[in-house]
Amino acid sequence: MKILVPVKRVIDYNVKVRVKSDESGVELANVKMAMNPFDEIAVEEAVRLKEAGQVEEIVAVSIGVQQCQETIRTALAVGADRGIHVVTDETVEPLAVAKILQKLVDKETPQLVIMGKQAIDDDSNQTGQMLAALLGWPQGTFASKLALNGSGAEVTREVDGGLETIGIKLPAVVTTDLRLNEPRYASLPNIMKAKKKPIEQIAPADLGIDVTPRMETLKVTNPPARSAGVKVADVAELVEKLKNEAKVI
């Protein structure tokens, strides 16, 4: 079995995000970047399936600027076998990502695509569902547990009311939630080995995909500063403020 794992380069989750002075977007210059945390979970799950003898090959895919190779190398150091880098300087929206992944799935013919449920930069939570629709494959979203069983898989999903377990046939798309696993750290020997693993570079045009953004960002601003709290004299004043100012009762 072959698994395709998309990985995205985002601002490290420990970094405080800053808005550009001209409010045209988020400041990326001289900012620490890392693999999207949900994608780290996807890579870890794929590697665990390989270690269990259920998977033969893991292909890591990233779409974006030249520096995305660093993100692919991270996946290779954790245990992926090879990488594919779709090189573009454009801001690639979820639908374009899904179309690119569809073409790569047609090319690579994996039996499973495991990907993060969303990226922490745009929080769209759309690509996995769009990819499944384009491919006509079953999907298991928000997975907190994944078990392969022959020609199918059992996915435990995190839903509003608790957990839901579904059975899906392969090939399929699975998107990962936080409680699926705990990603490992890459060891130094594996980091060195990852430098020799192959990364194929292609352009979106080679796949016949137009990645021109369909949306234009007009303005990005910081959220309003939180106002200071106030003290109330008694319960009556508290109820009055909750009712007339906060309007929560």
Protein backbone atom coordinates (compact mmCIF):
# COMPACT_ATOMS: atom_id res chain seq x y z
CA MET A 1 0.00 0.00 0.00
CA LYS A 2 1.11 3.53 -0.79
CA ILE A 3 0.11 6.59 1.26
CA LEU A 4 0.18 10.21 0.07
CA VAL A 5 0.67 12.80 2.83
CA PRO A 6 0.31 16.51 2.00
CA VAL A 7 2.34 18.80 4.29
CA LYS A 8 2.10 22.59 4.51
CA ARG A 9 4.69 25.19 5.54
CA VAL A 10 3.17 27.62 8.05
CA ILE A 11 4.30 30.04 10.74
CA ASP A 12 5.48 28.07 13.77
CA TYR A 13 2.64 27.79 16.27
CA ASN A 14 4.90 29.18 19.04
CA VAL A 15 5.45 32.45 17.12
CA LYS A 16 3.26 35.48 17.77
CA VAL A 17 1.76 36.47 14.42
CA ARG A 18 2.26 40.10 13.38
CA VAL A 19 0.30 42.08 10.80
CA LYS A 20 2.29 44.01 8.18
CA SER A 21 2.48 47.75 8.67
CA ASP A 22 0.55 48.36 5.44
CA GLU A 23 -2.14 45.85 6.56
CA SER A 24 -1.72 43.86 3.33
CA GLY A 25 -1.22 40.56 5.15
CA VAL A 26 0.74 38.72 7.82
CA GLU A 27 4.46 39.36 8.27
CA LEU A 28 6.49 36.38 7.03
CA ALA A 29 9.95 37.94 6.71
CA ASN A 30 12.44 36.60 9.28
CA VAL A 31 9.71 34.53 10.93
CA LYS A 32 10.26 30.94 12.03
CA MET A 33 8.32 28.54 9.81
CA ALA A 34 7.43 24.91 10.48
CA MET A 35 5.22 22.06 9.33
CA ASN A 36 1.53 22.50 10.04
CA PRO A 37 0.86 20.63 13.35
CA PHE A 38 -2.07 18.64 11.92
CA ASP A 39 0.18 17.54 9.04
CA GLU A 40 2.79 16.37 11.56
CA ILE A 41 0.11 14.08 12.97
CA ALA A 42 -0.70 12.82 9.46
CA VAL A 43 2.97 12.00 8.78
CA GLU A 44 3.29 10.25 12.13
CA GLU A 45 0.20 8.11 11.46
CA ALA A 46 1.51 7.11 8.04
CA VAL A 47 4.89 6.15 9.52
CA ARG A 48 3.21 4.09 12.26
CA LEU A 49 1.22 2.20 9.63
CA LYS A 50 4.44 1.54 7.74
CA GLU A 51 6.18 0.32 10.89
CA ALA A 52 3.23 -2.03 11.46
CA GLY A 53 3.88 -3.56 8.03
CA GLN A 54 0.63 -2.29 6.51
CA VAL A 55 2.22 0.31 4.22
CA GLU A 56 5.12 0.00 1.78
CA GLU A 57 5.71 3.60 0.69
CA ILE A 58 4.95 7.09 2.01
CA VAL A 59 5.07 10.07 -0.36
CA ALA A 60 5.14 13.57 1.17
CA VAL A 61 3.76 16.43 -0.94
CA SER A 62 4.08 20.16 -0.40
CA ILE A 63 2.82 23.06 -2.52
CA GLY A 64 4.39 26.49 -2.38
CA VAL A 65 7.61 28.46 -2.44
CA GLN A 66 11.12 26.99 -2.71
CA GLN A 67 11.49 26.87 1.07
CA CYS A 68 8.74 24.23 1.23
CA GLN A 69 11.51 21.72 0.56
CA GLU A 70 12.50 22.14 4.20
CA THR A 71 9.03 20.97 5.23
CA ILE A 72 9.29 17.95 2.94
CA ARG A 73 12.74 17.15 4.38
CA THR A 74 11.19 17.18 7.85
CA ALA A 75 8.62 14.60 6.71
CA LEU A 76 11.40 12.53 5.12
CA ALA A 77 13.38 12.65 8.37
CA VAL A 78 10.39 11.33 10.31
CA GLY A 79 9.94 8.40 7.95
CA ALA A 80 8.50 9.34 4.55
CA ASP A 81 10.26 7.67 1.61
CA ARG A 82 10.27 10.45 -1.00
CA GLY A 83 8.84 13.87 -1.66
CA ILE A 84 7.05 15.84 -4.35
CA HIS A 85 7.32 19.64 -4.37
CA VAL A 86 4.83 21.58 -6.49
CA VAL A 87 6.66 24.89 -6.84
CA THR A 88 4.69 28.14 -6.98
CA ASP A 89 5.01 31.63 -5.50
CA GLU A 90 1.25 32.17 -5.65
CA THR A 91 -0.99 31.93 -2.59
CA VAL A 92 -2.67 28.59 -3.28
CA GLU A 93 -6.29 28.37 -2.13
CA PRO A 94 -7.90 25.11 -0.89
CA LEU A 95 -9.66 24.29 -4.17
CA ALA A 96 -6.44 24.68 -6.16
CA VAL A 97 -4.61 22.51 -3.60
CA ALA A 98 -7.30 19.84 -3.92
CA LYS A 99 -7.04 19.91 -7.73
CA ILE A 100 -3.25 19.57 -7.59
CA LEU A 101 -3.53 16.67 -5.16
CA GLN A 102 -6.11 15.05 -7.41
CA LYS A 103 -3.62 15.08 -10.29
CA LEU A 104 -0.88 13.69 -8.06
CA VAL A 105 -3.19 10.93 -6.84
CA ASP A 106 -3.92 10.02 -10.46
CA LYS A 107 -0.17 9.91 -11.09
CA GLU A 108 0.95 8.09 -7.92
CA THR A 109 -2.16 5.86 -7.39
CA PRO A 110 -1.98 5.70 -3.58
CA GLN A 111 -4.58 3.67 -1.68
CA LEU A 112 -4.84 6.27 1.09
CA VAL A 113 -4.38 10.01 1.49
CA ILE A 114 -3.77 11.12 5.09
CA MET A 115 -3.73 14.87 5.67
CA GLY A 116 -4.26 17.41 8.44
CA LYS A 117 -7.86 18.48 8.92
CA GLN A 118 -6.84 22.14 8.51
CA ALA A 119 -3.84 24.46 8.38
CA ILE A 120 -3.27 26.81 11.31
CA ASP A 121 -2.65 29.80 9.04
CA ASP A 122 -5.97 30.03 7.16
CA ASP A 123 -8.05 27.51 9.20
CA SER A 124 -10.06 26.69 6.07
CA ASN A 125 -10.70 22.99 6.82
CA GLN A 126 -11.72 22.43 3.19
CA THR A 127 -8.98 20.68 1.23
CA GLY A 128 -9.56 17.12 2.45
CA GLN A 129 -13.28 17.25 1.75
CA MET A 130 -12.75 18.87 -1.66
CA LEU A 131 -10.14 16.25 -2.61
CA ALA A 132 -12.46 13.39 -1.66
CA ALA A 133 -15.24 14.94 -3.75
CA LEU A 134 -12.98 15.44 -6.78
CA LEU A 135 -11.72 11.86 -6.57
CA GLY A 136 -15.10 10.34 -5.74
CA TRP A 137 -13.48 8.61 -2.73
CA PRO A 138 -14.90 7.92 0.74
CA GLN A 139 -13.64 10.23 3.47
CA GLY A 140 -13.06 10.03 7.20
CA THR A 141 -12.62 13.52 8.62
CA PHE A 142 -11.44 14.63 12.09
CA ALA A 143 -9.94 11.20 12.77
CA SER A 144 -8.86 10.42 16.34
CA LYS A 145 -8.27 6.73 15.54
CA LEU A 146 -7.49 4.89 12.30
CA ALA A 147 -7.35 1.14 11.75
CA LEU A 148 -6.78 -0.52 8.38
CA ASN A 149 -8.46 -3.86 7.71
CA GLY A 150 -7.74 -5.32 4.31
CA SER A 151 -9.67 -3.40 1.68
CA GLY A 152 -11.18 -0.96 4.16
CA ALA A 153 -10.53 1.20 7.19
CA GLU A 154 -12.26 1.98 10.46
CA VAL A 155 -12.13 5.66 11.40
CA THR A 156 -13.14 7.08 14.76
CA ARG A 157 -14.18 10.69 14.22
CA GLU A 158 -14.41 13.55 16.69
CA VAL A 159 -17.88 15.09 16.36
CA ASP A 160 -19.80 17.65 18.41
CA GLY A 161 -21.57 14.99 20.46
CA GLY A 162 -18.49 12.86 21.17
CA LEU A 163 -17.04 10.13 18.95
CA GLU A 164 -18.39 8.48 15.81
CA THR A 165 -16.90 5.32 14.28
CA ILE A 166 -17.37 4.70 10.58
CA GLY A 167 -16.19 2.07 8.13
CA ILE A 168 -14.91 3.19 4.72
CA LYS A 169 -13.60 1.36 1.68
CA LEU A 170 -10.16 2.05 0.26
CA PRO A 171 -8.97 4.10 -1.55
CA ALA A 172 -10.01 6.92 0.76
CA VAL A 173 -9.12 10.32 2.21
CA VAL A 174 -8.56 10.67 5.97
CA THR A 175 -8.04 14.00 7.76
CA THR A 176 -6.37 13.98 11.16
CA ASP A 177 -7.43 15.54 14.45
CA LEU A 178 -5.20 16.38 17.41
CA ARG A 179 -5.83 13.22 19.44
CA LEU A 180 -4.91 10.73 16.71
CA ASN A 181 -1.30 10.42 17.92
CA GLU A 182 1.71 12.23 19.37
CA PRO A 183 4.22 13.11 16.59
CA ARG A 184 7.80 12.02 17.18
CA TYR A 185 10.94 14.11 16.88
CA ALA A 186 13.26 13.25 14.01
CA SER A 187 16.58 11.79 15.16
CA LEU A 188 19.88 13.26 13.91
CA PRO A 189 20.77 10.14 11.86
CA ASN A 190 17.37 10.26 10.15
CA ILE A 191 17.76 13.98 9.46
CA MET A 192 21.05 13.22 7.71
CA LYS A 193 19.49 10.34 5.76
CA ALA A 194 16.61 12.60 4.68
CA LYS A 195 19.07 14.79 2.78
CA LYS A 196 19.68 11.92 0.35
CA LYS A 197 16.03 11.02 -0.20
CA PRO A 198 14.62 12.19 -3.56
CA ILE A 199 12.32 15.21 -3.96
CA GLU A 200 10.65 15.65 -7.34
CA GLN A 201 9.95 19.24 -8.36
CA ILE A 202 7.09 20.10 -10.69
CA ALA A 203 5.05 23.20 -11.52
CA PRO A 204 1.26 23.51 -11.30
CA ALA A 205 1.19 24.16 -15.06
CA ASP A 206 2.78 20.74 -15.62
CA LEU A 207 -0.32 19.28 -13.99
CA GLY A 208 -2.65 21.52 -15.98
CA ILE A 209 -3.78 23.45 -12.89
CA ASP A 210 -4.30 27.21 -12.70
CA VAL A 211 -3.50 28.35 -9.15
CA THR A 212 -4.42 32.02 -9.67
CA PRO A 213 -6.26 33.09 -6.48
CA ARG A 214 -10.02 33.52 -6.77
CA MET A 215 -10.13 35.84 -3.77
CA GLU A 216 -8.33 39.09 -3.05
CA THR A 217 -7.28 40.08 0.46
CA LEU A 218 -8.34 43.69 0.90
CA LYS A 219 -7.08 44.30 4.42
CA VAL A 220 -5.68 42.45 7.42
CA THR A 221 -5.94 44.01 10.87
CA ASN A 222 -5.28 42.99 14.44
CA PRO A 223 -8.32 42.05 16.53
CA PRO A 224 -9.55 44.80 18.86
CA ALA A 225 -7.71 44.98 22.17
CA ARG A 226 -9.55 43.39 25.05
CA SER A 227 -11.05 45.99 27.34
CA ALA A 228 -10.32 45.99 31.07
CA GLY A 229 -12.72 44.32 33.45
CA VAL A 230 -14.88 46.21 35.93
CA LYS A 231 -16.00 45.53 39.49
CA VAL A 232 -19.67 45.52 40.35
CA ALA A 233 -21.18 46.43 43.69
CA ASP A 234 -23.78 43.70 43.91
CA VAL A 235 -25.62 40.94 42.06
CA ALA A 236 -28.27 43.33 40.76
CA GLU A 237 -25.64 45.44 38.97
CA LEU A 238 -24.01 42.28 37.58
CA VAL A 239 -27.32 41.09 36.13
CA GLU A 240 -28.00 44.56 34.70
CA LYS A 241 -24.63 44.66 32.92
CA LEU A 242 -25.00 41.11 31.59
CA LYS A 243 -28.43 41.98 30.26
CA ASN A 244 -27.93 45.48 28.84
CA GLU A 245 -24.19 45.69 28.05
CA ALA A 246 -23.03 42.16 27.34
CA LYS A 247 -26.50 41.11 26.14
CA VAL A 248 -25.93 37.51 27.16
CA ILE A 249 -29.12 37.12 29.17
